[in-house]
């Protein structure tokens, strides 16, 4: 029998895009367990060959599974809304058809989300239109600013050594940048007082 979508688990692939790693760190800072770059094959309607797609970040927590599509430029994802909607439908179908993943793929658990760096100005008419169109398709939108703010807040809560220990290279770089930013702010405040 010829199948239209893969129905077995796959290994995660390394994160190659820095922003995907930052999005993964964001979800981990909120207590989610994450999986990245899960490649699966699917066959589109009226297609002979199957094509591969990947879920950039899959974030899992208690009663929620978030399928995250990460992009540098929002217009790249939203210029073809039917294609974006099809991607989420295929990702959901893959999770539901794979017996080992079915527990995370109930309708009440699943959320679709697009995370972006660059896009129309916040509060502007264009971004409101995009958000409205995506909400109608049950796709949430989040910008990089929210992610960076959460990670800054996360870094503020230090452990006994003065920082949170991690082997995640992206998070380590962010921690170093945060320390340097604070040092610069502190020195700037000291110089103003003189």
N, C-alpha and C. Protein backbone atom coordinates (compact mmCIF):
# COMPACT_ATOMS: atom_id res chain seq x y z
N UNK A 1 0.84 -1.20 0.00
CA UNK A 1 0.00 0.00 0.00
C UNK A 1 0.87 1.25 0.00
N UNK A 2 0.59 2.17 -0.86
CA UNK A 2 1.35 3.41 -0.96
C UNK A 2 0.78 4.42 0.02
N UNK A 3 1.64 4.94 0.86
CA UNK A 3 1.19 5.88 1.89
C UNK A 3 1.37 7.32 1.42
N UNK A 4 0.60 8.22 2.04
CA UNK A 4 0.72 9.62 1.67
C UNK A 4 1.59 10.42 2.64
N UNK A 5 1.91 9.79 3.80
CA UNK A 5 2.75 10.49 4.78
C UNK A 5 3.48 9.47 5.64
N UNK A 6 4.63 9.84 6.08
CA UNK A 6 5.44 8.97 6.93
C UNK A 6 4.70 8.68 8.23
N UNK A 7 4.87 7.45 8.77
CA UNK A 7 4.17 7.09 10.00
C UNK A 7 5.10 6.41 11.00
N UNK A 8 6.33 6.80 11.03
CA UNK A 8 7.29 6.26 12.00
C UNK A 8 8.17 7.39 12.52
N UNK A 9 8.70 7.24 13.75
CA UNK A 9 9.49 8.31 14.37
C UNK A 9 10.81 8.56 13.63
N UNK A 10 11.31 9.76 13.78
CA UNK A 10 12.59 10.13 13.18
C UNK A 10 13.50 10.76 14.23
N UNK A 11 14.79 10.72 13.94
CA UNK A 11 15.76 11.39 14.81
C UNK A 11 15.68 12.89 14.60
N UNK A 12 16.06 13.63 15.63
CA UNK A 12 16.22 15.07 15.46
C UNK A 12 17.45 15.30 14.59
N UNK A 13 17.46 16.40 13.89
CA UNK A 13 18.64 16.83 13.14
C UNK A 13 19.23 18.04 13.84
N UNK A 14 20.51 18.26 13.63
CA UNK A 14 21.16 19.41 14.24
C UNK A 14 20.50 20.70 13.79
N UNK A 15 20.47 21.65 14.69
CA UNK A 15 19.97 22.97 14.36
C UNK A 15 21.07 23.70 13.60
N UNK A 16 20.76 24.15 12.41
CA UNK A 16 21.76 24.87 11.62
C UNK A 16 21.49 26.37 11.59
N UNK A 17 20.27 26.77 11.84
CA UNK A 17 19.92 28.18 11.87
C UNK A 17 19.97 28.68 13.32
N UNK A 18 20.74 29.73 13.55
CA UNK A 18 20.91 30.26 14.90
C UNK A 18 19.57 30.65 15.53
N UNK A 19 18.68 31.26 14.74
CA UNK A 19 17.41 31.68 15.31
C UNK A 19 16.56 30.49 15.75
N UNK A 20 16.65 29.38 15.04
CA UNK A 20 15.93 28.18 15.48
C UNK A 20 16.45 27.74 16.85
N UNK A 21 17.75 27.81 17.06
CA UNK A 21 18.33 27.43 18.36
C UNK A 21 17.86 28.38 19.46
N UNK A 22 17.72 29.65 19.13
CA UNK A 22 17.23 30.63 20.11
C UNK A 22 15.77 30.35 20.45
N UNK A 23 14.97 30.01 19.44
CA UNK A 23 13.56 29.67 19.67
C UNK A 23 13.47 28.42 20.54
N UNK A 24 14.31 27.43 20.26
CA UNK A 24 14.34 26.23 21.09
C UNK A 24 14.69 26.58 22.54
N UNK A 25 15.71 27.43 22.73
CA UNK A 25 16.10 27.86 24.09
C UNK A 25 14.96 28.59 24.78
N UNK A 26 14.22 29.41 24.03
CA UNK A 26 13.07 30.12 24.59
C UNK A 26 12.07 29.13 25.20
N UNK A 27 11.71 28.12 24.42
CA UNK A 27 10.74 27.15 24.93
C UNK A 27 11.32 26.37 26.12
N UNK A 28 12.58 26.03 26.06
CA UNK A 28 13.19 25.31 27.18
C UNK A 28 13.21 26.18 28.44
N UNK A 29 13.40 27.48 28.27
CA UNK A 29 13.40 28.38 29.44
C UNK A 29 12.03 28.44 30.10
N UNK A 30 10.99 28.07 29.35
CA UNK A 30 9.62 28.05 29.88
C UNK A 30 9.22 26.66 30.37
N UNK A 31 10.17 25.72 30.35
CA UNK A 31 9.90 24.38 30.87
C UNK A 31 9.43 23.36 29.85
N UNK A 32 9.46 23.70 28.58
CA UNK A 32 9.08 22.75 27.54
C UNK A 32 10.23 21.79 27.26
N UNK A 33 9.89 20.60 26.85
CA UNK A 33 10.85 19.66 26.27
C UNK A 33 10.77 19.91 24.78
N UNK A 34 11.92 20.00 24.12
CA UNK A 34 11.90 20.35 22.71
C UNK A 34 12.55 19.28 21.83
N UNK A 35 12.16 19.31 20.60
CA UNK A 35 12.72 18.46 19.56
C UNK A 35 12.90 19.38 18.35
N UNK A 36 14.00 19.19 17.61
CA UNK A 36 14.26 20.12 16.52
C UNK A 36 14.49 19.41 15.19
N UNK A 37 14.09 20.11 14.15
CA UNK A 37 14.33 19.67 12.78
C UNK A 37 13.96 18.21 12.54
N UNK A 38 12.72 17.91 12.82
CA UNK A 38 12.19 16.56 12.59
C UNK A 38 11.76 16.47 11.13
N UNK A 39 12.59 15.82 10.33
CA UNK A 39 12.28 15.64 8.90
C UNK A 39 11.31 14.48 8.73
N UNK A 40 10.29 14.71 7.94
CA UNK A 40 9.35 13.65 7.60
C UNK A 40 8.96 13.82 6.14
N UNK A 41 8.56 12.73 5.52
CA UNK A 41 8.14 12.84 4.13
C UNK A 41 6.62 12.85 4.03
N UNK A 42 6.16 13.52 3.02
CA UNK A 42 4.72 13.58 2.73
C UNK A 42 4.55 13.70 1.22
N UNK A 43 3.45 13.20 0.76
CA UNK A 43 3.14 13.29 -0.66
C UNK A 43 1.97 14.28 -0.80
N UNK A 44 2.17 15.30 -1.59
CA UNK A 44 1.11 16.29 -1.81
C UNK A 44 0.03 15.71 -2.71
N UNK A 45 -1.09 16.39 -2.76
CA UNK A 45 -2.17 15.94 -3.63
C UNK A 45 -1.71 15.91 -5.08
N UNK A 46 -2.08 14.87 -5.78
CA UNK A 46 -1.75 14.70 -7.19
C UNK A 46 -0.25 14.69 -7.48
N UNK A 47 0.55 14.29 -6.49
CA UNK A 47 2.00 14.21 -6.69
C UNK A 47 2.44 12.75 -6.70
N UNK A 48 3.32 12.43 -7.63
CA UNK A 48 3.87 11.08 -7.71
C UNK A 48 4.97 10.88 -6.67
N UNK A 49 5.83 11.89 -6.55
CA UNK A 49 6.95 11.77 -5.63
C UNK A 49 6.62 12.41 -4.30
N UNK A 50 7.24 11.88 -3.28
CA UNK A 50 7.06 12.47 -1.96
C UNK A 50 8.17 13.49 -1.74
N UNK A 51 7.86 14.46 -0.91
CA UNK A 51 8.83 15.50 -0.58
C UNK A 51 9.07 15.52 0.92
N UNK A 52 10.21 16.05 1.30
CA UNK A 52 10.55 16.12 2.72
C UNK A 52 10.28 17.51 3.27
N UNK A 53 9.82 17.52 4.50
CA UNK A 53 9.61 18.76 5.24
C UNK A 53 10.17 18.55 6.63
N UNK A 54 10.34 19.65 7.35
CA UNK A 54 10.78 19.48 8.73
C UNK A 54 10.03 20.42 9.65
N UNK A 55 9.85 19.93 10.86
CA UNK A 55 9.28 20.75 11.92
C UNK A 55 10.49 21.41 12.58
N UNK A 56 10.57 22.74 12.50
CA UNK A 56 11.74 23.44 13.03
C UNK A 56 11.91 23.16 14.52
N UNK A 57 10.86 23.43 15.29
CA UNK A 57 10.88 23.16 16.73
C UNK A 57 9.54 22.55 17.11
N UNK A 58 9.60 21.48 17.87
CA UNK A 58 8.42 20.86 18.45
C UNK A 58 8.59 21.04 19.95
N UNK A 59 7.68 21.79 20.57
CA UNK A 59 7.79 22.09 22.00
C UNK A 59 6.64 21.40 22.73
N UNK A 60 6.99 20.64 23.78
CA UNK A 60 6.02 19.79 24.47
C UNK A 60 6.02 20.11 25.96
N UNK A 61 4.84 20.35 26.50
CA UNK A 61 4.71 20.64 27.93
C UNK A 61 3.32 20.22 28.38
N UNK A 62 3.27 19.53 29.49
CA UNK A 62 2.02 19.09 30.11
C UNK A 62 0.91 18.78 29.12
N UNK A 63 0.06 19.75 28.82
CA UNK A 63 -1.10 19.52 27.96
C UNK A 63 -1.01 20.26 26.64
N UNK A 64 0.22 20.53 26.19
CA UNK A 64 0.38 21.34 24.99
C UNK A 64 1.53 20.83 24.12
N UNK A 65 1.30 20.80 22.83
CA UNK A 65 2.32 20.49 21.84
C UNK A 65 2.29 21.62 20.82
N UNK A 66 3.41 22.33 20.68
CA UNK A 66 3.49 23.47 19.77
C UNK A 66 4.37 23.09 18.58
N UNK A 67 3.79 23.18 17.40
CA UNK A 67 4.54 22.98 16.15
C UNK A 67 4.99 24.37 15.72
N UNK A 68 6.31 24.58 15.69
CA UNK A 68 6.84 25.91 15.44
C UNK A 68 7.56 25.95 14.09
N UNK A 69 7.17 26.90 13.28
CA UNK A 69 7.85 27.18 12.03
C UNK A 69 8.61 28.49 12.23
N UNK A 70 9.93 28.45 12.07
CA UNK A 70 10.78 29.60 12.34
C UNK A 70 11.21 30.22 11.02
N UNK A 71 11.18 31.55 10.97
CA UNK A 71 11.61 32.25 9.76
C UNK A 71 12.32 33.55 10.12
N UNK A 72 13.25 33.93 9.29
CA UNK A 72 13.91 35.23 9.48
C UNK A 72 13.00 36.35 9.02
N UNK A 73 12.27 36.14 7.94
CA UNK A 73 11.44 37.18 7.34
C UNK A 73 9.99 36.70 7.29
N UNK A 74 9.11 37.40 7.99
CA UNK A 74 7.70 37.01 8.08
C UNK A 74 7.04 36.90 6.71
N UNK A 75 7.36 37.80 5.81
CA UNK A 75 6.74 37.77 4.48
C UNK A 75 7.04 36.48 3.73
N UNK A 76 8.20 35.85 4.02
CA UNK A 76 8.52 34.58 3.37
C UNK A 76 7.49 33.51 3.72
N UNK A 77 6.95 33.55 4.93
CA UNK A 77 5.97 32.54 5.36
C UNK A 77 4.55 32.92 5.01
N UNK A 78 4.24 34.20 5.09
CA UNK A 78 2.84 34.60 4.96
C UNK A 78 2.45 35.02 3.55
N UNK A 79 3.40 35.09 2.62
CA UNK A 79 3.05 35.48 1.25
C UNK A 79 2.22 34.39 0.57
N UNK A 80 2.37 33.15 1.03
CA UNK A 80 1.59 32.03 0.48
C UNK A 80 0.91 31.31 1.65
N UNK A 81 -0.16 31.91 2.13
CA UNK A 81 -0.85 31.38 3.30
C UNK A 81 -1.36 29.96 3.12
N UNK A 82 -1.91 29.59 1.96
CA UNK A 82 -2.34 28.19 1.78
C UNK A 82 -1.18 27.20 1.95
N UNK A 83 -0.02 27.56 1.45
CA UNK A 83 1.15 26.70 1.59
C UNK A 83 1.56 26.54 3.06
N UNK A 84 1.50 27.64 3.82
CA UNK A 84 1.81 27.60 5.25
C UNK A 84 0.79 26.73 5.99
N UNK A 85 -0.47 26.91 5.65
CA UNK A 85 -1.53 26.11 6.27
C UNK A 85 -1.35 24.63 5.96
N UNK A 86 -0.98 24.32 4.72
CA UNK A 86 -0.73 22.92 4.33
C UNK A 86 0.43 22.33 5.12
N UNK A 87 1.47 23.14 5.34
CA UNK A 87 2.60 22.64 6.13
C UNK A 87 2.13 22.20 7.51
N UNK A 88 1.36 23.05 8.19
CA UNK A 88 0.89 22.70 9.54
C UNK A 88 -0.04 21.49 9.49
N UNK A 89 -0.88 21.39 8.48
CA UNK A 89 -1.75 20.22 8.35
C UNK A 89 -0.93 18.95 8.19
N UNK A 90 0.12 19.01 7.36
CA UNK A 90 0.97 17.83 7.16
C UNK A 90 1.74 17.49 8.43
N UNK A 91 2.25 18.48 9.14
CA UNK A 91 2.98 18.21 10.39
C UNK A 91 2.06 17.56 11.42
N UNK A 92 0.85 18.07 11.53
CA UNK A 92 -0.13 17.49 12.46
C UNK A 92 -0.46 16.05 12.05
N UNK A 93 -0.66 15.85 10.75
CA UNK A 93 -1.00 14.52 10.25
C UNK A 93 0.13 13.54 10.54
N UNK A 94 1.37 13.99 10.33
CA UNK A 94 2.53 13.13 10.61
C UNK A 94 2.53 12.72 12.09
N UNK A 95 2.33 13.66 12.99
CA UNK A 95 2.32 13.33 14.42
C UNK A 95 1.17 12.38 14.76
N UNK A 96 0.02 12.60 14.16
CA UNK A 96 -1.15 11.76 14.45
C UNK A 96 -1.02 10.35 13.87
N UNK A 97 -0.36 10.23 12.72
CA UNK A 97 -0.22 8.92 12.09
C UNK A 97 0.90 8.08 12.70
N UNK A 98 1.80 8.69 13.41
CA UNK A 98 2.93 7.97 13.99
C UNK A 98 2.51 7.48 15.38
N UNK A 99 2.37 6.17 15.58
CA UNK A 99 1.87 5.66 16.85
C UNK A 99 2.62 6.19 18.08
N UNK A 100 3.92 6.32 17.99
CA UNK A 100 4.71 6.79 19.13
C UNK A 100 4.47 8.25 19.46
N UNK A 101 3.91 9.00 18.52
CA UNK A 101 3.67 10.44 18.74
C UNK A 101 2.20 10.78 18.95
N UNK A 102 1.32 9.81 18.79
CA UNK A 102 -0.11 10.12 18.83
C UNK A 102 -0.55 10.79 20.13
N UNK A 103 0.08 10.45 21.23
CA UNK A 103 -0.31 11.05 22.52
C UNK A 103 -0.07 12.55 22.53
N UNK A 104 0.86 13.05 21.69
CA UNK A 104 1.07 14.50 21.68
C UNK A 104 0.25 15.20 20.64
N UNK A 105 -0.51 14.45 19.86
CA UNK A 105 -1.15 15.03 18.69
C UNK A 105 -2.66 15.12 18.78
N UNK A 106 -3.21 15.17 19.97
CA UNK A 106 -4.66 15.36 20.07
C UNK A 106 -4.98 16.82 19.74
N UNK A 107 -6.13 17.05 19.19
CA UNK A 107 -6.51 18.40 18.76
C UNK A 107 -6.43 19.42 19.90
N UNK A 108 -6.82 19.00 21.10
CA UNK A 108 -6.80 19.97 22.21
C UNK A 108 -5.38 20.32 22.64
N UNK A 109 -4.40 19.49 22.32
CA UNK A 109 -2.99 19.75 22.67
C UNK A 109 -2.28 20.61 21.64
N UNK A 110 -2.61 20.41 20.37
CA UNK A 110 -1.81 20.98 19.28
C UNK A 110 -2.03 22.47 19.06
N UNK A 111 -0.90 23.16 18.86
CA UNK A 111 -0.92 24.58 18.48
C UNK A 111 0.05 24.76 17.32
N UNK A 112 -0.29 25.66 16.43
CA UNK A 112 0.58 26.02 15.31
C UNK A 112 1.13 27.41 15.58
N UNK A 113 2.42 27.60 15.30
CA UNK A 113 3.00 28.90 15.58
C UNK A 113 4.09 29.24 14.55
N UNK A 114 4.09 30.49 14.13
CA UNK A 114 5.16 31.03 13.30
C UNK A 114 5.92 32.04 14.15
N UNK A 115 7.24 31.88 14.19
CA UNK A 115 8.10 32.80 14.93
C UNK A 115 9.01 33.48 13.91
N UNK A 116 9.13 34.80 14.01
CA UNK A 116 9.89 35.54 13.00
C UNK A 116 10.79 36.60 13.62
N UNK A 117 11.81 37.02 12.83
CA UNK A 117 12.70 38.10 13.26
C UNK A 117 12.24 39.42 12.65
N UNK A 118 12.17 39.46 11.34
CA UNK A 118 11.82 40.69 10.62
C UNK A 118 10.41 40.62 10.08
N UNK A 119 9.70 41.73 10.21
CA UNK A 119 8.34 41.78 9.70
C UNK A 119 7.84 43.21 9.74
N UNK A 120 6.59 43.41 9.40
CA UNK A 120 6.01 44.76 9.45
C UNK A 120 6.08 45.33 10.87
N UNK A 121 6.05 46.65 10.94
CA UNK A 121 6.14 47.36 12.22
C UNK A 121 5.03 46.92 13.18
N UNK A 122 5.43 46.65 14.44
CA UNK A 122 4.45 46.26 15.46
C UNK A 122 3.42 47.36 15.65
N UNK A 123 2.18 46.94 15.81
CA UNK A 123 1.11 47.89 16.02
C UNK A 123 0.59 48.51 14.73
N UNK A 124 1.25 48.21 13.63
CA UNK A 124 0.84 48.75 12.34
C UNK A 124 -0.30 47.96 11.72
N UNK A 125 -0.91 48.56 10.72
CA UNK A 125 -2.05 47.93 10.06
C UNK A 125 -1.66 46.62 9.38
N UNK A 126 -0.50 46.57 8.75
CA UNK A 126 -0.06 45.38 8.01
C UNK A 126 0.08 44.17 8.94
N UNK A 127 0.74 44.36 10.10
CA UNK A 127 0.93 43.23 11.02
C UNK A 127 -0.41 42.79 11.59
N UNK A 128 -1.30 43.73 11.84
CA UNK A 128 -2.64 43.37 12.33
C UNK A 128 -3.39 42.51 11.32
N UNK A 129 -3.26 42.85 10.03
CA UNK A 129 -3.89 42.06 8.97
C UNK A 129 -3.32 40.64 8.94
N UNK A 130 -2.01 40.54 9.03
CA UNK A 130 -1.36 39.23 9.00
C UNK A 130 -1.80 38.40 10.21
N UNK A 131 -1.78 39.01 11.39
CA UNK A 131 -2.20 38.29 12.60
C UNK A 131 -3.64 37.81 12.48
N UNK A 132 -4.51 38.64 11.95
CA UNK A 132 -5.92 38.27 11.79
C UNK A 132 -6.06 37.08 10.84
N UNK A 133 -5.36 37.15 9.69
CA UNK A 133 -5.43 36.04 8.72
C UNK A 133 -4.90 34.75 9.33
N UNK A 134 -3.82 34.83 10.08
CA UNK A 134 -3.25 33.63 10.69
C UNK A 134 -4.16 33.08 11.79
N UNK A 135 -4.73 33.96 12.60
CA UNK A 135 -5.65 33.52 13.66
C UNK A 135 -6.84 32.76 13.07
N UNK A 136 -7.33 33.21 11.92
CA UNK A 136 -8.44 32.53 11.26
C UNK A 136 -8.06 31.10 10.89
N UNK A 137 -6.78 30.87 10.64
CA UNK A 137 -6.27 29.55 10.29
C UNK A 137 -5.70 28.82 11.51
N UNK A 138 -5.93 29.39 12.69
CA UNK A 138 -5.45 28.82 13.96
C UNK A 138 -3.93 28.70 13.99
N UNK A 139 -3.28 29.76 13.53
CA UNK A 139 -1.83 29.86 13.56
C UNK A 139 -1.47 31.08 14.39
N UNK A 140 -0.68 30.87 15.45
CA UNK A 140 -0.24 31.97 16.29
C UNK A 140 1.01 32.59 15.70
N UNK A 141 1.23 33.85 16.04
CA UNK A 141 2.39 34.58 15.54
C UNK A 141 3.17 35.13 16.72
N UNK A 142 4.49 35.00 16.68
CA UNK A 142 5.33 35.55 17.74
C UNK A 142 6.58 36.14 17.11
N UNK A 143 6.99 37.32 17.60
CA UNK A 143 8.19 37.93 17.04
C UNK A 143 9.40 37.69 17.96
N UNK A 144 10.57 37.94 17.42
CA UNK A 144 11.83 37.68 18.12
C UNK A 144 11.94 38.50 19.41
N UNK A 145 11.34 39.67 19.41
CA UNK A 145 11.42 40.55 20.57
C UNK A 145 10.90 39.85 21.83
N UNK A 146 9.77 39.17 21.72
CA UNK A 146 9.19 38.47 22.88
C UNK A 146 10.14 37.37 23.36
N UNK A 147 10.75 36.69 22.43
CA UNK A 147 11.66 35.60 22.77
C UNK A 147 12.89 36.15 23.51
N UNK A 148 13.46 37.22 22.98
CA UNK A 148 14.66 37.81 23.60
C UNK A 148 14.32 38.33 24.99
N UNK A 149 13.17 38.95 25.16
CA UNK A 149 12.76 39.45 26.48
C UNK A 149 12.64 38.31 27.49
N UNK A 150 12.03 37.20 27.07
CA UNK A 150 11.90 36.05 27.97
C UNK A 150 13.28 35.50 28.34
N UNK A 151 14.17 35.40 27.37
CA UNK A 151 15.50 34.87 27.66
C UNK A 151 16.29 35.81 28.57
N UNK A 152 16.15 37.12 28.39
CA UNK A 152 16.81 38.08 29.29
C UNK A 152 16.30 37.87 30.71
N UNK A 153 14.99 37.74 30.84
CA UNK A 153 14.38 37.50 32.16
C UNK A 153 14.90 36.19 32.76
N UNK A 154 14.99 35.18 31.93
CA UNK A 154 15.50 33.88 32.38
C UNK A 154 16.93 34.01 32.90
N UNK A 155 17.76 34.78 32.20
CA UNK A 155 19.15 34.96 32.62
C UNK A 155 19.28 35.78 33.89
N UNK A 156 18.29 36.60 34.19
CA UNK A 156 18.31 37.40 35.42
C UNK A 156 18.22 36.51 36.66
N UNK A 157 17.49 35.42 36.55
CA UNK A 157 17.37 34.46 37.65
C UNK A 157 18.60 33.58 37.65
N UNK A 158 19.56 33.94 38.52
CA UNK A 158 20.84 33.23 38.52
C UNK A 158 20.84 32.11 39.55
N UNK A 159 21.74 31.18 39.34
CA UNK A 159 21.95 30.16 40.36
C UNK A 159 23.07 30.62 41.29
N UNK A 160 23.51 29.74 42.18
CA UNK A 160 24.53 30.12 43.17
C UNK A 160 25.87 30.51 42.56
N UNK A 161 26.14 30.13 41.34
CA UNK A 161 27.41 30.50 40.69
C UNK A 161 27.28 31.81 39.92
N UNK A 162 26.10 32.39 39.91
CA UNK A 162 25.92 33.66 39.23
C UNK A 162 25.39 33.53 37.81
N UNK A 163 25.15 32.32 37.35
CA UNK A 163 24.59 32.10 36.02
C UNK A 163 23.99 30.70 35.97
N UNK A 164 23.20 30.47 34.98
CA UNK A 164 22.61 29.14 34.81
C UNK A 164 23.54 28.31 33.95
N UNK A 165 23.88 27.14 34.43
CA UNK A 165 24.82 26.28 33.73
C UNK A 165 24.14 25.61 32.55
N UNK A 166 24.82 25.63 31.42
CA UNK A 166 24.32 24.99 30.23
C UNK A 166 25.48 24.64 29.31
N UNK A 167 25.29 23.64 28.48
CA UNK A 167 26.26 23.32 27.44
C UNK A 167 25.77 23.79 26.08
N UNK A 168 24.59 24.39 26.04
CA UNK A 168 24.04 24.89 24.79
C UNK A 168 24.85 26.11 24.34
N UNK A 169 25.53 25.98 23.21
CA UNK A 169 26.44 27.03 22.75
C UNK A 169 25.73 28.36 22.50
N UNK A 170 24.58 28.30 21.91
CA UNK A 170 23.83 29.54 21.63
C UNK A 170 23.47 30.23 22.95
N UNK A 171 22.99 29.46 23.91
CA UNK A 171 22.61 30.04 25.20
C UNK A 171 23.84 30.59 25.91
N UNK A 172 24.97 29.90 25.82
CA UNK A 172 26.21 30.40 26.43
C UNK A 172 26.60 31.75 25.82
N UNK A 173 26.53 31.87 24.51
CA UNK A 173 26.84 33.15 23.86
C UNK A 173 25.89 34.23 24.36
N UNK A 174 24.61 33.90 24.46
CA UNK A 174 23.64 34.88 24.95
C UNK A 174 23.94 35.28 26.40
N UNK A 175 24.36 34.31 27.22
CA UNK A 175 24.72 34.63 28.60
C UNK A 175 25.92 35.58 28.64
N UNK A 176 26.92 35.30 27.83
CA UNK A 176 28.10 36.18 27.79
C UNK A 176 27.70 37.58 27.34
N UNK A 177 26.90 37.68 26.29
CA UNK A 177 26.44 38.99 25.82
C UNK A 177 25.64 39.72 26.89
N UNK A 178 24.84 38.99 27.64
CA UNK A 178 24.06 39.58 28.72
C UNK A 178 24.99 40.14 29.80
N UNK A 179 26.03 39.39 30.17
CA UNK A 179 27.00 39.85 31.18
C UNK A 179 27.71 41.10 30.68
N UNK A 180 28.14 41.10 29.40
CA UNK A 180 28.81 42.26 28.83
C UNK A 180 27.90 43.48 28.79
N UNK A 181 26.64 43.26 28.44
CA UNK A 181 25.66 44.36 28.41
C UNK A 181 25.49 44.97 29.79
N UNK A 182 25.40 44.11 30.80
CA UNK A 182 25.24 44.59 32.18
C UNK A 182 26.48 45.35 32.63
N UNK A 183 27.64 44.82 32.28
CA UNK A 183 28.89 45.49 32.66
C UNK A 183 28.95 46.88 32.02
N UNK A 184 28.57 46.95 30.76
CA UNK A 184 28.57 48.22 30.05
C UNK A 184 27.58 49.20 30.67
N UNK A 185 26.40 48.71 31.05
CA UNK A 185 25.41 49.56 31.70
C UNK A 185 25.93 50.05 33.04
N UNK A 186 26.57 49.16 33.80
CA UNK A 186 27.11 49.51 35.10
C UNK A 186 28.21 50.56 34.96
N UNK A 187 29.12 50.36 34.00
CA UNK A 187 30.20 51.32 33.79
C UNK A 187 29.65 52.65 33.31
N UNK A 188 28.62 52.62 32.47
CA UNK A 188 27.98 53.85 32.01
C UNK A 188 27.36 54.61 33.17
N UNK A 189 26.74 53.90 34.09
CA UNK A 189 26.13 54.53 35.27
C UNK A 189 27.23 55.12 36.16
N UNK A 190 28.32 54.38 36.34
CA UNK A 190 29.44 54.88 37.16
C UNK A 190 30.04 56.14 36.54
N UNK A 191 30.22 56.16 35.24
CA UNK A 191 30.82 57.31 34.56
C UNK A 191 29.91 58.54 34.67
N UNK A 192 28.61 58.34 34.64
CA UNK A 192 27.66 59.46 34.78
C UNK A 192 27.71 60.05 36.18
N UNK A 193 28.00 59.21 37.18
CA UNK A 193 28.04 59.66 38.57
C UNK A 193 29.29 60.48 38.87
N UNK A 194 30.34 60.32 38.08
CA UNK A 194 31.61 61.04 38.32
C UNK A 194 31.54 62.48 37.98
